[in-house]
Amino acid sequence: MGVYVYRSKHMNAIKIGHYAKQNAWSRIAHRGFYSCICPSDIRDRVSVDDVDLLYWFPDLKPKDEKRVHKLLNAHALCGEWFSTDALEQIPTLLPFENKMEQCSKESALQTRRRL
């Protein structure tokens, strides 16, 4: 389980969520965030090519994600999406090593199963 932070390429928004597997890119490789509540401005632009992975904390749990959501409530847009203004607080709220280099977009796209 881990907590990820993706940034939209189309608006000033980040998505903070959790994923049970080891490669955060696998969370969206084949279905994007289309099953999630999204800001209307990007509702049709939340695929794997529409976001950049900024952070991956593989040792964190869903409770950690929920805590961050509450602490960033002032920056909430909708669902698990927040204004990019919240980015400056991420290192303080999640003072752990960012392990996004462990995630491979290419590997996630090459397989149908989630990594």
C-alpha atoms as a PDB file:
ATOM      1  CA  MET A   1       0.000   0.000   0.000  1.00  0.00           C
ATOM      2  CA  GLY A   2       1.200   3.483  -0.697  1.00  0.00           C
ATOM      3  CA  VAL A   3       0.190   7.108  -1.129  1.00  0.00           C
ATOM      4  CA  TYR A   4       0.710   8.860  -4.463  1.00  0.00           C
ATOM      5  CA  VAL A   5       0.534  12.458  -5.673  1.00  0.00           C
ATOM      6  CA  TYR A   6      -0.148  13.088  -9.364  1.00  0.00           C
ATOM      7  CA  ARG A   7      -0.261  16.505 -11.028  1.00  0.00           C
ATOM      8  CA  SER A   8      -2.618  17.294 -13.881  1.00  0.00           C
ATOM      9  CA  LYS A   9      -1.026  18.573 -17.084  1.00  0.00           C
ATOM     10  CA  HIS A  10      -4.216  20.502 -17.896  1.00  0.00           C
ATOM     11  CA  MET A  11      -5.022  22.513 -14.780  1.00  0.00           C
ATOM     12  CA  ASN A  12      -3.453  23.495 -11.470  1.00  0.00           C
ATOM     13  CA  ALA A  13      -4.588  20.381  -9.660  1.00  0.00           C
ATOM     14  CA  ILE A  14      -3.044  17.412  -7.880  1.00  0.00           C
ATOM     15  CA  LYS A  15      -4.623  14.101  -6.940  1.00  0.00           C
ATOM     16  CA  ILE A  16      -3.668  12.473  -3.675  1.00  0.00           C
ATOM     17  CA  GLY A  17      -4.706   8.859  -3.302  1.00  0.00           C
ATOM     18  CA  HIS A  18      -3.586   5.417  -2.234  1.00  0.00           C
ATOM     19  CA  TYR A  19      -2.770   2.272  -4.160  1.00  0.00           C
ATOM     20  CA  ALA A  20      -2.283  -1.269  -2.888  1.00  0.00           C
ATOM     21  CA  LYS A  21       0.378  -2.409  -5.359  1.00  0.00           C
ATOM     22  CA  GLN A  22       4.038  -1.477  -5.873  1.00  0.00           C
ATOM     23  CA  ASN A  23       3.929   0.635  -9.041  1.00  0.00           C
ATOM     24  CA  ALA A  24       1.811   3.789  -8.721  1.00  0.00           C
ATOM     25  CA  TRP A  25       1.606   4.075 -12.523  1.00  0.00           C
ATOM     26  CA  SER A  26      -0.326   0.800 -12.617  1.00  0.00           C
ATOM     27  CA  ARG A  27      -3.162   2.538 -10.794  1.00  0.00           C
ATOM     28  CA  ILE A  28      -3.956   4.533 -13.930  1.00  0.00           C
ATOM     29  CA  ALA A  29      -2.123   2.792 -16.792  1.00  0.00           C
ATOM     30  CA  HIS A  30      -5.222   1.394 -18.487  1.00  0.00           C
ATOM     31  CA  ARG A  31      -8.181   3.217 -16.965  1.00  0.00           C
ATOM     32  CA  GLY A  32      -6.913   6.580 -15.773  1.00  0.00           C
ATOM     33  CA  PHE A  33      -8.830   8.310 -13.024  1.00  0.00           C
ATOM     34  CA  TYR A  34     -12.101   8.088 -14.955  1.00  0.00           C
ATOM     35  CA  SER A  35     -13.761   6.109 -12.148  1.00  0.00           C
ATOM     36  CA  CYS A  36     -13.004   8.928  -9.676  1.00  0.00           C
ATOM     37  CA  ILE A  37     -14.721  12.210  -8.973  1.00  0.00           C
ATOM     38  CA  CYS A  38     -12.725  14.803 -10.919  1.00  0.00           C
ATOM     39  CA  PRO A  39     -12.878  18.561 -11.469  1.00  0.00           C
ATOM     40  CA  SER A  40     -15.171  19.248 -14.428  1.00  0.00           C
ATOM     41  CA  ASP A  41     -12.371  21.056 -16.299  1.00  0.00           C
ATOM     42  CA  ILE A  42     -10.401  17.821 -16.615  1.00  0.00           C
ATOM     43  CA  ARG A  43     -13.094  15.144 -16.395  1.00  0.00           C
ATOM     44  CA  ASP A  44     -12.193  13.855 -19.865  1.00  0.00           C
ATOM     45  CA  ARG A  45      -8.429  14.339 -19.401  1.00  0.00           C
ATOM     46  CA  VAL A  46      -7.369  12.072 -16.548  1.00  0.00           C
ATOM     47  CA  SER A  47      -5.581   9.253 -18.373  1.00  0.00           C
ATOM     48  CA  VAL A  48      -2.021   8.110 -17.827  1.00  0.00           C
ATOM     49  CA  ASP A  49      -0.734  10.686 -20.328  1.00  0.00           C
ATOM     50  CA  ASP A  50      -2.619  13.547 -18.677  1.00  0.00           C
ATOM     51  CA  VAL A  51      -0.777  13.456 -15.340  1.00  0.00           C
ATOM     52  CA  ASP A  52       2.740  13.401 -13.927  1.00  0.00           C
ATOM     53  CA  LEU A  53       3.684  11.366 -10.872  1.00  0.00           C
ATOM     54  CA  LEU A  54       5.256  13.716  -8.326  1.00  0.00           C
ATOM     55  CA  TYR A  55       5.407  11.587  -5.165  1.00  0.00           C
ATOM     56  CA  TRP A  56       5.150   7.932  -4.197  1.00  0.00           C
ATOM     57  CA  PHE A  57       5.336   6.817  -0.574  1.00  0.00           C
ATOM     58  CA  PRO A  58       4.937   3.006  -0.732  1.00  0.00           C
ATOM     59  CA  ASP A  59       4.958   2.421   3.020  1.00  0.00           C
ATOM     60  CA  LEU A  60       2.004   4.664   3.842  1.00  0.00           C
ATOM     61  CA  LYS A  61      -1.528   3.448   4.525  1.00  0.00           C
ATOM     62  CA  PRO A  62      -5.015   4.719   3.637  1.00  0.00           C
ATOM     63  CA  LYS A  63      -5.207   6.393   7.063  1.00  0.00           C
ATOM     64  CA  ASP A  64      -2.184   8.514   6.082  1.00  0.00           C
ATOM     65  CA  GLU A  65      -3.903   9.549   2.862  1.00  0.00           C
ATOM     66  CA  LYS A  66      -7.065  10.511   4.771  1.00  0.00           C
ATOM     67  CA  ARG A  67      -5.034  12.547   7.259  1.00  0.00           C
ATOM     68  CA  VAL A  68      -3.403  14.518   4.426  1.00  0.00           C
ATOM     69  CA  HIS A  69      -6.796  15.096   2.796  1.00  0.00           C
ATOM     70  CA  LYS A  70      -8.110  16.603   6.042  1.00  0.00           C
ATOM     71  CA  LEU A  71      -5.052  18.782   6.550  1.00  0.00           C
ATOM     72  CA  LEU A  72      -5.276  20.100   2.980  1.00  0.00           C
ATOM     73  CA  ASN A  73      -9.019  20.721   3.086  1.00  0.00           C
ATOM     74  CA  ALA A  74      -8.515  24.456   2.421  1.00  0.00           C
ATOM     75  CA  HIS A  75      -7.038  23.492  -0.979  1.00  0.00           C
ATOM     76  CA  ALA A  76      -9.712  20.911  -1.894  1.00  0.00           C
ATOM     77  CA  LEU A  77     -11.199  21.111  -5.395  1.00  0.00           C
ATOM     78  CA  CYS A  78     -13.358  17.983  -5.488  1.00  0.00           C
ATOM     79  CA  GLY A  79     -12.975  14.375  -4.445  1.00  0.00           C
ATOM     80  CA  GLU A  80      -9.282  13.640  -3.959  1.00  0.00           C
ATOM     81  CA  TRP A  81      -8.197  16.597  -6.105  1.00  0.00           C
ATOM     82  CA  PHE A  82      -6.512  19.642  -4.587  1.00  0.00           C
ATOM     83  CA  SER A  83      -5.089  22.916  -5.845  1.00  0.00           C
ATOM     84  CA  THR A  84      -1.389  22.828  -6.702  1.00  0.00           C
ATOM     85  CA  ASP A  85      -1.006  25.462  -3.969  1.00  0.00           C
ATOM     86  CA  ALA A  86      -1.022  22.475  -1.602  1.00  0.00           C
ATOM     87  CA  LEU A  87       2.205  21.097  -3.093  1.00  0.00           C
ATOM     88  CA  GLU A  88       4.444  23.192  -0.874  1.00  0.00           C
ATOM     89  CA  GLN A  89       2.935  21.445   2.173  1.00  0.00           C
ATOM     90  CA  ILE A  90       3.474  17.874   0.962  1.00  0.00           C
ATOM     91  CA  PRO A  91       7.105  17.539   2.196  1.00  0.00           C
ATOM     92  CA  THR A  92       6.025  18.735   5.641  1.00  0.00           C
ATOM     93  CA  LEU A  93       2.893  16.584   5.842  1.00  0.00           C
ATOM     94  CA  LEU A  94       4.643  13.522   4.398  1.00  0.00           C
ATOM     95  CA  PRO A  95       8.260  13.804   5.602  1.00  0.00           C
ATOM     96  CA  PHE A  96       9.305  10.506   4.063  1.00  0.00           C
ATOM     97  CA  GLU A  97      11.575   9.552   1.201  1.00  0.00           C
ATOM     98  CA  ASN A  98       9.899  10.073  -2.162  1.00  0.00           C
ATOM     99  CA  LYS A  99      10.292   6.773  -4.015  1.00  0.00           C
ATOM    100  CA  MET A 100       8.678   7.675  -7.324  1.00  0.00           C
ATOM    101  CA  GLU A 101      11.783   6.419  -9.145  1.00  0.00           C
ATOM    102  CA  GLN A 102      10.668   2.901  -8.140  1.00  0.00           C
ATOM    103  CA  CYS A 103       7.597   3.325 -10.354  1.00  0.00           C
ATOM    104  CA  SER A 104       7.758   2.639 -14.079  1.00  0.00           C
ATOM    105  CA  LYS A 105       5.148   4.073 -16.410  1.00  0.00           C
ATOM    106  CA  GLU A 106       6.468   1.884 -19.237  1.00  0.00           C
ATOM    107  CA  SER A 107       6.159  -1.325 -17.199  1.00  0.00           C
ATOM    108  CA  ALA A 108       2.640  -0.435 -16.159  1.00  0.00           C
ATOM    109  CA  LEU A 109       1.595   0.197 -19.760  1.00  0.00           C
ATOM    110  CA  GLN A 110       3.117  -3.071 -20.995  1.00  0.00           C
ATOM    111  CA  THR A 111       1.087  -5.320 -18.735  1.00  0.00           C
ATOM    112  CA  ARG A 112      -2.639  -5.832 -18.282  1.00  0.00           C
ATOM    113  CA  ARG A 113      -2.294  -6.791 -14.647  1.00  0.00           C
ATOM    114  CA  ARG A 114      -1.630  -4.295 -11.937  1.00  0.00           C
ATOM    115  CA  LEU A 115       1.898  -4.222 -10.580  1.00  0.00           C
END
